Amino acid sequence: MHTQDIFKSDNSKGLLSIYYTAGYPNLDSTIAIAKKLESAGADFLEIGFPYSDPIADGPVIQHSSEVALRNGMTLQCLFQQLQDLRSHVSIPVFLMGYFNTVLQYGVENFCKSCQAVGVNGAIIPDLPIYEYEELYQDTFKQYGINNIFLVTPQTSEERIRKIDNLSHSFIYLLSSNATTGKNLEVGAQAEQYFQRLKDMDLKNPLVIGFGISDRETFRKATTYAKGAIIGSAFVRVLSDDDYMNKIESFIKGIKT
């Protein structure tokens, strides 16, 4: 499924995206978790590829990254696991991680591999806009891979408009400048920021991430944006031995 299709669909309650780290808790749990998330009602997925020095990740996701690396997860291994992704999962899937890993794998190789397994796009928080525009945009386009940009409360209107022009899927709206896993504080300041973005009437839909952890924060975020992303709160579920049986109730608890 194309991401544009889910954003156009009449999902008045807001779209739920779930982030989890490939190779956590077990090296081979990536596809099983994706299947379970789709059947439980997640609208799209973000699968993180682990990195040894994650700058914006809170302790929960950092820990999952460390375990995944110890388990032997690499980009090469992840693409092998995702080879039959589309025979199991039909919702959009994005890969998320740091640019160094992509660079070592090779940017064209990365885009080509994403296309081959049916991944819709990539979220690479530390890839600078100008670098993407000058060096990599054509490669991403050639293979039909959407590059997702992040916006923070500090991003200028000019930059946001530029991001909107470069984007073909959605814009990832960080609720704050803090690391992931902090609870969403929708105070007056955050509400003004969300409203400001909403009022800009951008061509790409907005999806809010960082600090969404339960039904209440999901509901709040989706009054301003088309969807919201839950990461740390879900990765915590995976630390339970019986995690496969807990996924459904976790998703239903947020969406219903």
C-alpha atoms as a PDB file:
ATOM      1  CA  MET A   1       0.000   0.000   0.000  1.00  0.00           C
ATOM      2  CA  HIS A   2       1.220   3.495  -0.803  1.00  0.00           C
ATOM      3  CA  THR A   3       1.457   5.904   2.120  1.00  0.00           C
ATOM      4  CA  GLN A   4      -0.605   8.443   0.175  1.00  0.00           C
ATOM      5  CA  ASP A   5      -3.485   5.950   0.199  1.00  0.00           C
ATOM      6  CA  ILE A   6      -3.605   5.632   3.982  1.00  0.00           C
ATOM      7  CA  PHE A   7      -3.446   9.400   4.419  1.00  0.00           C
ATOM      8  CA  LYS A   8      -6.288   9.909   1.953  1.00  0.00           C
ATOM      9  CA  SER A   9      -8.465   7.262   3.538  1.00  0.00           C
ATOM     10  CA  ASP A  10     -11.166   8.552   5.826  1.00  0.00           C
ATOM     11  CA  ASN A  11      -9.535   7.716   9.137  1.00  0.00           C
ATOM     12  CA  SER A  12     -11.137  10.329  11.328  1.00  0.00           C
ATOM     13  CA  LYS A  13      -9.650   8.895  14.530  1.00  0.00           C
ATOM     14  CA  GLY A  14      -6.091   9.421  13.327  1.00  0.00           C
ATOM     15  CA  LEU A  15      -3.466   7.014  12.057  1.00  0.00           C
ATOM     16  CA  LEU A  16      -1.309   5.034  14.448  1.00  0.00           C
ATOM     17  CA  SER A  17       2.299   4.306  13.561  1.00  0.00           C
ATOM     18  CA  ILE A  18       4.428   2.017  15.688  1.00  0.00           C
ATOM     19  CA  TYR A  19       8.220   2.133  15.926  1.00  0.00           C
ATOM     20  CA  TYR A  20      10.306  -0.839  17.022  1.00  0.00           C
ATOM     21  CA  THR A  21      13.937  -1.854  16.631  1.00  0.00           C
ATOM     22  CA  ALA A  22      14.823  -4.648  14.195  1.00  0.00           C
ATOM     23  CA  GLY A  23      16.547  -7.525  15.972  1.00  0.00           C
ATOM     24  CA  TYR A  24      14.949  -6.785  19.360  1.00  0.00           C
ATOM     25  CA  PRO A  25      14.150  -8.661  21.512  1.00  0.00           C
ATOM     26  CA  ASN A  26      15.375 -11.506  19.264  1.00  0.00           C
ATOM     27  CA  LEU A  27      17.326 -11.369  16.045  1.00  0.00           C
ATOM     28  CA  ASP A  28      14.536 -13.024  14.066  1.00  0.00           C
ATOM     29  CA  SER A  29      11.475 -11.316  15.613  1.00  0.00           C
ATOM     30  CA  THR A  30      11.221  -8.491  13.017  1.00  0.00           C
ATOM     31  CA  ILE A  31       8.581  -9.978  10.675  1.00  0.00           C
ATOM     32  CA  ALA A  32       6.559 -11.708  13.414  1.00  0.00           C
ATOM     33  CA  ILE A  33       6.155  -8.379  15.230  1.00  0.00           C
ATOM     34  CA  ALA A  34       5.204  -6.569  11.992  1.00  0.00           C
ATOM     35  CA  LYS A  35       2.499  -9.157  11.210  1.00  0.00           C
ATOM     36  CA  LYS A  36       1.096  -8.961  14.721  1.00  0.00           C
ATOM     37  CA  LEU A  37       1.049  -5.133  14.637  1.00  0.00           C
ATOM     38  CA  GLU A  38      -0.845  -5.069  11.357  1.00  0.00           C
ATOM     39  CA  SER A  39      -3.460  -7.576  12.509  1.00  0.00           C
ATOM     40  CA  ALA A  40      -3.876  -5.634  15.784  1.00  0.00           C
ATOM     41  CA  GLY A  41      -4.697  -2.432  13.864  1.00  0.00           C
ATOM     42  CA  ALA A  42      -1.488  -0.388  13.436  1.00  0.00           C
ATOM     43  CA  ASP A  43      -1.761   1.778  10.294  1.00  0.00           C
ATOM     44  CA  PHE A  44       1.913   1.945   9.362  1.00  0.00           C
ATOM     45  CA  LEU A  45       5.249   0.831  10.790  1.00  0.00           C
ATOM     46  CA  GLU A  46       8.675   2.257  11.440  1.00  0.00           C
ATOM     47  CA  ILE A  47      11.349  -0.377  11.782  1.00  0.00           C
ATOM     48  CA  GLY A  48      14.538   0.983  13.327  1.00  0.00           C
ATOM     49  CA  PHE A  49      17.922  -0.298  12.257  1.00  0.00           C
ATOM     50  CA  PRO A  50      20.188  -0.180  15.321  1.00  0.00           C
ATOM     51  CA  TYR A  51      23.142   2.160  15.715  1.00  0.00           C
ATOM     52  CA  SER A  52      25.828   2.130  18.390  1.00  0.00           C
ATOM     53  CA  ASP A  53      25.561   5.834  19.263  1.00  0.00           C
ATOM     54  CA  PRO A  54      21.939   6.973  18.905  1.00  0.00           C
ATOM     55  CA  ILE A  55      21.838  10.693  19.695  1.00  0.00           C
ATOM     56  CA  ALA A  56      18.112  11.398  19.901  1.00  0.00           C
ATOM     57  CA  ASP A  57      16.953   8.143  21.449  1.00  0.00           C
ATOM     58  CA  GLY A  58      15.870   7.840  25.045  1.00  0.00           C
ATOM     59  CA  PRO A  59      17.063   4.986  27.288  1.00  0.00           C
ATOM     60  CA  VAL A  60      14.400   2.454  26.228  1.00  0.00           C
ATOM     61  CA  ILE A  61      15.159   2.630  22.495  1.00  0.00           C
ATOM     62  CA  GLN A  62      18.879   2.944  23.170  1.00  0.00           C
ATOM     63  CA  HIS A  63      18.762  -0.283  25.146  1.00  0.00           C
ATOM     64  CA  SER A  64      16.826  -2.064  22.362  1.00  0.00           C
ATOM     65  CA  SER A  65      19.506  -0.898  19.899  1.00  0.00           C
ATOM     66  CA  GLU A  66      22.307  -2.294  22.063  1.00  0.00           C
ATOM     67  CA  VAL A  67      20.550  -5.657  22.404  1.00  0.00           C
ATOM     68  CA  ALA A  68      19.795  -5.802  18.646  1.00  0.00           C
ATOM     69  CA  LEU A  69      23.457  -5.138  17.804  1.00  0.00           C
ATOM     70  CA  ARG A  70      24.556  -7.822  20.278  1.00  0.00           C
ATOM     71  CA  ASN A  71      22.051 -10.163  18.620  1.00  0.00           C
ATOM     72  CA  GLY A  72      23.851  -9.549  15.318  1.00  0.00           C
ATOM     73  CA  MET A  73      21.427  -7.162  13.569  1.00  0.00           C
ATOM     74  CA  THR A  74      22.886  -5.224  10.618  1.00  0.00           C
ATOM     75  CA  LEU A  75      21.283  -3.525   7.614  1.00  0.00           C
ATOM     76  CA  GLN A  76      22.307  -6.481   5.472  1.00  0.00           C
ATOM     77  CA  CYS A  77      20.649  -8.884   7.890  1.00  0.00           C
ATOM     78  CA  LEU A  78      17.525  -6.680   8.053  1.00  0.00           C
ATOM     79  CA  PHE A  79      17.074  -6.621   4.276  1.00  0.00           C
ATOM     80  CA  GLN A  80      17.437 -10.408   4.227  1.00  0.00           C
ATOM     81  CA  GLN A  81      14.700 -10.671   6.847  1.00  0.00           C
ATOM     82  CA  LEU A  82      12.468  -8.293   4.869  1.00  0.00           C
ATOM     83  CA  GLN A  83      12.764 -10.255   1.615  1.00  0.00           C
ATOM     84  CA  ASP A  84       9.267 -11.693   1.988  1.00  0.00           C
ATOM     85  CA  LEU A  85       7.874  -8.694   3.911  1.00  0.00           C
ATOM     86  CA  ARG A  86       5.114  -8.115   1.373  1.00  0.00           C
ATOM     87  CA  SER A  87       3.777 -11.642   1.576  1.00  0.00           C
ATOM     88  CA  HIS A  88       3.068 -10.984   5.267  1.00  0.00           C
ATOM     89  CA  VAL A  89       2.401  -7.256   5.660  1.00  0.00           C
ATOM     90  CA  SER A  90       0.384  -4.880   3.471  1.00  0.00           C
ATOM     91  CA  ILE A  91       0.529  -1.597   5.463  1.00  0.00           C
ATOM     92  CA  PRO A  92       3.257   0.988   4.685  1.00  0.00           C
ATOM     93  CA  VAL A  93       6.663   0.329   6.230  1.00  0.00           C
ATOM     94  CA  PHE A  94       9.456   2.856   6.817  1.00  0.00           C
ATOM     95  CA  LEU A  95      13.004   2.200   7.955  1.00  0.00           C
ATOM     96  CA  MET A  96      14.460   4.540  10.540  1.00  0.00           C
ATOM     97  CA  GLY A  97      18.049   5.016  11.616  1.00  0.00           C
ATOM     98  CA  TYR A  98      21.195   7.077  11.412  1.00  0.00           C
ATOM     99  CA  PHE A  99      22.900   8.163   8.215  1.00  0.00           C
ATOM    100  CA  ASN A 100      26.301   6.658   9.013  1.00  0.00           C
ATOM    101  CA  THR A 101      24.814   3.154   8.760  1.00  0.00           C
ATOM    102  CA  VAL A 102      23.205   3.999   5.394  1.00  0.00           C
ATOM    103  CA  LEU A 103      26.431   5.555   4.117  1.00  0.00           C
ATOM    104  CA  GLN A 104      28.432   2.452   5.013  1.00  0.00           C
ATOM    105  CA  TYR A 105      25.860   0.268   3.268  1.00  0.00           C
ATOM    106  CA  GLY A 106      25.839   2.643   0.270  1.00  0.00           C
ATOM    107  CA  VAL A 107      22.996   5.125  -0.360  1.00  0.00           C
ATOM    108  CA  GLU A 108      22.046   3.699  -3.751  1.00  0.00           C
ATOM    109  CA  ASN A 109      22.353   0.168  -2.431  1.00  0.00           C
ATOM    110  CA  PHE A 110      20.063   1.150   0.467  1.00  0.00           C
ATOM    111  CA  CYS A 111      17.390   2.657  -1.819  1.00  0.00           C
ATOM    112  CA  LYS A 112      17.616  -0.318  -4.165  1.00  0.00           C
ATOM    113  CA  SER A 113      17.224  -2.778  -1.258  1.00  0.00           C
ATOM    114  CA  CYS A 114      14.249  -0.808   0.112  1.00  0.00           C
ATOM    115  CA  GLN A 115      12.569  -0.958  -3.283  1.00  0.00           C
ATOM    116  CA  ALA A 116      13.316  -4.678  -3.669  1.00  0.00           C
ATOM    117  CA  VAL A 117      11.628  -5.632  -0.383  1.00  0.00           C
ATOM    118  CA  GLY A 118       8.737  -3.146  -0.643  1.00  0.00           C
ATOM    119  CA  VAL A 119       9.765  -0.593   1.981  1.00  0.00           C
ATOM    120  CA  ASN A 120       8.005   2.748   1.348  1.00  0.00           C
ATOM    121  CA  GLY A 121      10.530   5.195   2.735  1.00  0.00           C
ATOM    122  CA  ALA A 122      13.223   6.129   5.201  1.00  0.00           C
ATOM    123  CA  ILE A 123      13.492   8.390   8.224  1.00  0.00           C
ATOM    124  CA  ILE A 124      17.115   9.440   8.713  1.00  0.00           C
ATOM    125  CA  PRO A 125      17.105  12.174  11.383  1.00  0.00           C
ATOM    126  CA  ASP A 126      20.737  13.256  10.922  1.00  0.00           C
ATOM    127  CA  LEU A 127      20.749  13.546   7.109  1.00  0.00           C
ATOM    128  CA  PRO A 128      20.957  17.317   6.435  1.00  0.00           C
ATOM    129  CA  ILE A 129      18.409  18.755   3.993  1.00  0.00           C
ATOM    130  CA  TYR A 130      20.983  20.416   1.718  1.00  0.00           C
ATOM    131  CA  GLU A 131      22.981  17.188   1.533  1.00  0.00           C
ATOM    132  CA  TYR A 132      19.891  15.202   0.649  1.00  0.00           C
ATOM    133  CA  GLU A 133      18.886  17.761  -1.976  1.00  0.00           C
ATOM    134  CA  GLU A 134      22.334  18.072  -3.567  1.00  0.00           C
ATOM    135  CA  LEU A 135      23.585  14.501  -3.375  1.00  0.00           C
ATOM    136  CA  TYR A 136      20.869  11.929  -2.763  1.00  0.00           C
ATOM    137  CA  GLN A 137      17.452  13.180  -3.826  1.00  0.00           C
ATOM    138  CA  ASP A 138      17.712  11.760  -7.357  1.00  0.00           C
ATOM    139  CA  THR A 139      18.686   8.329  -6.054  1.00  0.00           C
ATOM    140  CA  PHE A 140      15.761   8.214  -3.614  1.00  0.00           C
ATOM    141  CA  LYS A 141      13.409   9.279  -6.417  1.00  0.00           C
ATOM    142  CA  GLN A 142      14.849   6.774  -8.887  1.00  0.00           C
ATOM    143  CA  TYR A 143      13.930   3.898  -6.566  1.00  0.00           C
ATOM    144  CA  GLY A 144      10.639   5.429  -5.374  1.00  0.00           C
ATOM    145  CA  ILE A 145      11.764   5.767  -1.748  1.00  0.00           C
ATOM    146  CA  ASN A 146      10.220   8.581   0.294  1.00  0.00           C
ATOM    147  CA  ASN A 147      12.642  10.450   2.527  1.00  0.00           C
ATOM    148  CA  ILE A 148      10.871  11.719   5.642  1.00  0.00           C
ATOM    149  CA  PHE A 149      12.060  14.977   7.223  1.00  0.00           C
ATOM    150  CA  LEU A 150      11.749  15.992  10.855  1.00  0.00           C
ATOM    151  CA  VAL A 151      10.455  19.323  12.125  1.00  0.00           C
ATOM    152  CA  THR A 152      10.929  20.630  15.699  1.00  0.00           C
ATOM    153  CA  PRO A 153       9.457  23.618  17.560  1.00  0.00           C
ATOM    154  CA  GLN A 154      12.604  25.532  16.532  1.00  0.00           C
ATOM    155  CA  THR A 155      12.260  24.934  12.762  1.00  0.00           C
ATOM    156  CA  SER A 156      11.665  28.165  10.850  1.00  0.00           C
ATOM    157  CA  GLU A 157       8.669  28.609   8.569  1.00  0.00           C
ATOM    158  CA  GLU A 158      10.985  28.956   5.574  1.00  0.00           C
ATOM    159  CA  ARG A 159      12.614  25.610   6.321  1.00  0.00           C
ATOM    160  CA  ILE A 160       9.248  23.944   6.901  1.00  0.00           C
ATOM    161  CA  ARG A 161       8.054  25.136   3.469  1.00  0.00           C
ATOM    162  CA  LYS A 162      11.241  23.760   1.926  1.00  0.00           C
ATOM    163  CA  ILE A 163      10.703  20.410   3.660  1.00  0.00           C
ATOM    164  CA  ASP A 164       7.113  20.374   2.425  1.00  0.00           C
ATOM    165  CA  ASN A 165       8.315  20.869  -1.159  1.00  0.00           C
ATOM    166  CA  LEU A 166      10.905  18.085  -0.862  1.00  0.00           C
ATOM    167  CA  SER A 167       8.457  15.623   0.732  1.00  0.00           C
ATOM    168  CA  HIS A 168       6.120  13.143  -0.932  1.00  0.00           C
ATOM    169  CA  SER A 169       4.686  11.251   1.999  1.00  0.00           C
ATOM    170  CA  PHE A 170       4.392  12.870   5.432  1.00  0.00           C
ATOM    171  CA  ILE A 171       6.303  15.262   7.675  1.00  0.00           C
ATOM    172  CA  TYR A 172       7.506  13.944  11.026  1.00  0.00           C
ATOM    173  CA  LEU A 173       6.655  16.524  13.648  1.00  0.00           C
ATOM    174  CA  LEU A 174       8.722  16.212  16.823  1.00  0.00           C
ATOM    175  CA  SER A 175       6.654  17.235  19.811  1.00  0.00           C
ATOM    176  CA  SER A 176       9.746  18.662  21.520  1.00  0.00           C
ATOM    177  CA  ASN A 177      13.532  18.854  21.343  1.00  0.00           C
ATOM    178  CA  ALA A 178      13.895  16.249  24.088  1.00  0.00           C
ATOM    179  CA  THR A 179      14.949  12.660  23.485  1.00  0.00           C
ATOM    180  CA  THR A 180      12.362   9.993  22.695  1.00  0.00           C
ATOM    181  CA  GLY A 181      10.348   8.382  25.454  1.00  0.00           C
ATOM    182  CA  LYS A 182       9.520  11.548  27.396  1.00  0.00           C
ATOM    183  CA  ASN A 183       5.794  11.974  27.932  1.00  0.00           C
ATOM    184  CA  LEU A 184       3.977  14.330  25.601  1.00  0.00           C
ATOM    185  CA  GLU A 185       3.362  17.550  27.456  1.00  0.00           C
ATOM    186  CA  VAL A 186       0.749  19.311  25.409  1.00  0.00           C
ATOM    187  CA  GLY A 187       0.971  22.618  27.224  1.00  0.00           C
ATOM    188  CA  ALA A 188       0.031  25.966  25.726  1.00  0.00           C
ATOM    189  CA  GLN A 189       3.402  26.252  23.979  1.00  0.00           C
ATOM    190  CA  ALA A 190       3.201  22.861  22.267  1.00  0.00           C
ATOM    191  CA  GLU A 191      -0.403  23.520  21.254  1.00  0.00           C
ATOM    192  CA  GLN A 192       0.618  26.827  19.655  1.00  0.00           C
ATOM    193  CA  TYR A 193       3.376  25.041  17.755  1.00  0.00           C
ATOM    194  CA  PHE A 194       1.062  22.249  16.540  1.00  0.00           C
ATOM    195  CA  GLN A 195      -1.594  24.796  15.592  1.00  0.00           C
ATOM    196  CA  ARG A 196       0.971  26.926  13.739  1.00  0.00           C
ATOM    197  CA  LEU A 197       1.955  23.914  11.611  1.00  0.00           C
ATOM    198  CA  LYS A 198      -1.682  22.981  11.042  1.00  0.00           C
ATOM    199  CA  ASP A 199      -2.467  26.546   9.920  1.00  0.00           C
ATOM    200  CA  MET A 200       0.375  26.517   7.386  1.00  0.00           C
ATOM    201  CA  ASP A 201      -1.830  24.276   5.266  1.00  0.00           C
ATOM    202  CA  LEU A 202       1.067  22.154   4.006  1.00  0.00           C
ATOM    203  CA  LYS A 203       0.575  19.742   1.114  1.00  0.00           C
ATOM    204  CA  ASN A 204       1.987  16.813   3.123  1.00  0.00           C
ATOM    205  CA  PRO A 205       0.173  15.396   6.151  1.00  0.00           C
ATOM    206  CA  LEU A 206       1.729  15.813   9.600  1.00  0.00           C
ATOM    207  CA  VAL A 207       2.521  12.928  11.929  1.00  0.00           C
ATOM    208  CA  ILE A 208       3.534  13.688  15.537  1.00  0.00           C
ATOM    209  CA  GLY A 209       6.205  11.655  17.306  1.00  0.00           C
ATOM    210  CA  PHE A 210       8.132  11.717  20.619  1.00  0.00           C
ATOM    211  CA  GLY A 211       6.171  11.370  23.839  1.00  0.00           C
ATOM    212  CA  ILE A 212       3.074   9.566  22.535  1.00  0.00           C
ATOM    213  CA  SER A 213       2.525   6.621  24.844  1.00  0.00           C
ATOM    214  CA  ASP A 214      -1.171   5.903  25.449  1.00  0.00           C
ATOM    215  CA  ARG A 215      -4.732   6.583  24.302  1.00  0.00           C
ATOM    216  CA  GLU A 216      -4.798  10.051  25.860  1.00  0.00           C
ATOM    217  CA  THR A 217      -1.572  11.365  24.276  1.00  0.00           C
ATOM    218  CA  PHE A 218      -2.495   9.697  20.956  1.00  0.00           C
ATOM    219  CA  ARG A 219      -5.900  11.393  20.968  1.00  0.00           C
ATOM    220  CA  LYS A 220      -4.343  14.770  21.793  1.00  0.00           C
ATOM    221  CA  ALA A 221      -1.715  14.505  19.074  1.00  0.00           C
ATOM    222  CA  THR A 222      -4.211  13.465  16.410  1.00  0.00           C
ATOM    223  CA  THR A 223      -6.395  16.519  16.968  1.00  0.00           C
ATOM    224  CA  TYR A 224      -3.518  18.460  15.362  1.00  0.00           C
ATOM    225  CA  ALA A 225      -2.043  15.884  12.993  1.00  0.00           C
ATOM    226  CA  LYS A 226      -3.139  13.093  10.675  1.00  0.00           C
ATOM    227  CA  GLY A 227      -1.324  10.518  12.768  1.00  0.00           C
ATOM    228  CA  ALA A 228       0.990   9.844  15.690  1.00  0.00           C
ATOM    229  CA  ILE A 229       3.942   7.573  16.330  1.00  0.00           C
ATOM    230  CA  ILE A 230       4.491   5.452  19.410  1.00  0.00           C
ATOM    231  CA  GLY A 231       8.023   4.167  20.029  1.00  0.00           C
ATOM    232  CA  SER A 232       9.378   3.792  23.565  1.00  0.00           C
ATOM    233  CA  ALA A 233       6.051   2.715  25.100  1.00  0.00           C
ATOM    234  CA  PHE A 234       5.781  -0.101  22.547  1.00  0.00           C
ATOM    235  CA  VAL A 235       9.440  -1.147  22.819  1.00  0.00           C
ATOM    236  CA  ARG A 236       8.784  -1.556  26.563  1.00  0.00           C
ATOM    237  CA  VAL A 237       6.087  -4.128  25.705  1.00  0.00           C
ATOM    238  CA  LEU A 238       8.714  -6.110  23.791  1.00  0.00           C
ATOM    239  CA  SER A 239      10.862  -6.444  26.906  1.00  0.00           C
ATOM    240  CA  ASP A 240       8.213  -8.760  28.367  1.00  0.00           C
ATOM    241  CA  ASP A 241       8.828 -12.493  27.814  1.00  0.00           C
ATOM    242  CA  ASP A 242       5.225 -12.871  26.660  1.00  0.00           C
ATOM    243  CA  TYR A 243       5.403  -9.868  24.303  1.00  0.00           C
ATOM    244  CA  MET A 244       3.658 -11.507  21.306  1.00  0.00           C
ATOM    245  CA  ASN A 245       0.503 -11.955  23.368  1.00  0.00           C
ATOM    246  CA  LYS A 246       0.609  -8.371  24.670  1.00  0.00           C
ATOM    247  CA  ILE A 247       0.815  -6.576  21.295  1.00  0.00           C
ATOM    248  CA  GLU A 248      -2.875  -6.775  20.437  1.00  0.00           C
ATOM    249  CA  SER A 249      -4.171  -5.385  23.730  1.00  0.00           C
ATOM    250  CA  PHE A 250      -1.553  -2.599  23.586  1.00  0.00           C
ATOM    251  CA  ILE A 251      -2.745  -1.437  20.132  1.00  0.00           C
ATOM    252  CA  LYS A 252      -6.435  -1.840  20.917  1.00  0.00           C
ATOM    253  CA  GLY A 253      -5.937   0.141  24.146  1.00  0.00           C
ATOM    254  CA  ILE A 254      -4.695   3.106  22.116  1.00  0.00           C
ATOM    255  CA  LYS A 255      -7.051   2.995  19.167  1.00  0.00           C
ATOM    256  CA  THR A 256     -10.386   2.148  20.769  1.00  0.00           C
END
